[in-house]
Protein backbone atom coordinates (compact mmCIF):
# COMPACT_ATOMS: atom_id res chain seq x y z
CA MET A 1 0.00 0.00 0.00
CA ASP A 2 1.33 3.43 -0.94
CA ASN A 3 1.73 5.88 1.88
CA LYS A 4 1.42 9.05 -0.17
CA SER A 5 0.69 12.15 1.76
CA SER A 6 -2.66 13.79 1.20
CA LYS A 7 -0.86 16.77 -0.36
CA GLU A 8 0.50 14.62 -3.17
CA GLU A 9 -2.90 13.10 -3.89
CA MET A 10 -4.75 16.41 -4.13
CA ASN A 11 -5.81 17.82 -7.46
CA TRP A 12 -4.66 21.40 -7.17
CA ALA A 13 -6.53 22.68 -10.22
CA ASN A 14 -9.71 24.35 -9.05
CA GLU A 15 -12.16 27.01 -10.10
CA ALA A 16 -9.89 29.80 -8.92
CA ASP A 17 -7.43 28.89 -11.68
CA GLY A 18 -9.99 29.74 -14.34
CA GLU A 19 -10.81 33.05 -12.68
CA LEU A 20 -7.13 33.92 -12.48
CA HIS A 21 -6.56 33.14 -16.14
CA THR A 22 -9.54 35.18 -17.34
CA SER A 23 -8.42 38.14 -15.22
CA GLU A 24 -4.95 37.79 -16.66
CA TRP A 25 -6.25 37.76 -20.23
CA PHE A 26 -8.60 40.70 -19.72
CA GLY A 27 -5.81 42.69 -18.09
CA ALA A 28 -3.37 41.97 -20.92
CA ILE A 29 -5.95 42.88 -23.56
CA ILE A 30 -6.93 46.11 -21.80
CA ARG A 31 -3.27 47.11 -21.37
CA TYR A 32 -2.64 46.33 -25.06
CA PHE A 33 -5.51 48.60 -26.16
CA CYS A 34 -4.45 51.34 -23.70
CA ASN A 35 -0.99 51.31 -25.28
CA LEU A 36 -2.69 51.63 -28.70
CA GLY A 37 -0.72 48.67 -29.97
CA ARG A 38 2.68 50.35 -29.51
CA LYS A 39 3.82 47.41 -27.38
CA LYS A 40 3.51 43.90 -28.69
CA PHE A 41 0.91 41.77 -26.96
CA ASN A 42 3.54 39.13 -26.19
CA ASP A 43 5.54 41.76 -24.28
CA LEU A 44 2.52 42.45 -22.05
CA TYR A 45 1.61 38.80 -21.58
CA THR A 46 4.73 37.55 -19.83
CA PRO A 47 5.29 35.95 -16.42
CA LYS A 48 6.86 39.23 -15.29
CA GLU A 49 3.63 41.15 -16.05
CA ILE A 50 1.12 38.64 -14.63
CA LYS A 51 0.39 40.56 -11.43
CA LYS A 52 -0.42 43.80 -13.28
CA ASN A 53 -2.61 41.96 -15.78
CA VAL A 54 -4.51 40.11 -13.06
CA ILE A 55 -5.20 43.27 -11.05
CA ILE A 56 -6.40 45.22 -14.08
CA GLY A 57 -8.49 42.29 -15.34
CA TRP A 58 -10.05 41.72 -11.92
CA LEU A 59 -10.96 45.40 -11.58
CA PHE A 60 -12.49 45.33 -15.07
CA LYS A 61 -14.65 42.33 -14.17
CA VAL A 62 -15.79 43.91 -10.90
CA VAL A 63 -16.76 47.13 -12.69
CA VAL A 64 -18.71 45.18 -15.34
CA VAL A 65 -20.61 43.24 -12.66
CA LEU A 66 -21.41 46.46 -10.76
CA ILE A 67 -22.68 48.08 -13.97
CA LEU A 68 -24.91 45.06 -14.67
CA ILE A 69 -26.30 45.17 -11.13
CA TYR A 70 -26.97 48.90 -11.50
CA LEU A 71 -28.72 48.43 -14.85
CA GLY A 72 -30.83 45.63 -13.43
CA TYR A 73 -31.75 47.79 -10.46
CA ARG A 74 -32.63 50.76 -12.69
CA TYR A 75 -34.73 48.53 -14.97
CA THR A 76 -36.73 47.08 -12.08
CA ILE A 77 -37.34 50.50 -10.49
CA ASN A 78 -38.64 52.04 -13.74
CA GLN A 79 -41.08 49.23 -14.51
């Protein structure tokens, strides 16, 4: 019988990985458009730039969700 520790048996991929990757992509795309294409996309999407991309992408997603909540609230109040 194998005596593997529970850490080795765990599947570390979870739903947070997907959220991190989408934030990273949104951040890189937004930074690319803000630079008006002067920098290559591959220069913005590097391991060195991940933290900036994730923060910008996460903020973008939060703002979009807040706008959708506001629009839903406005629509229900006016009806």
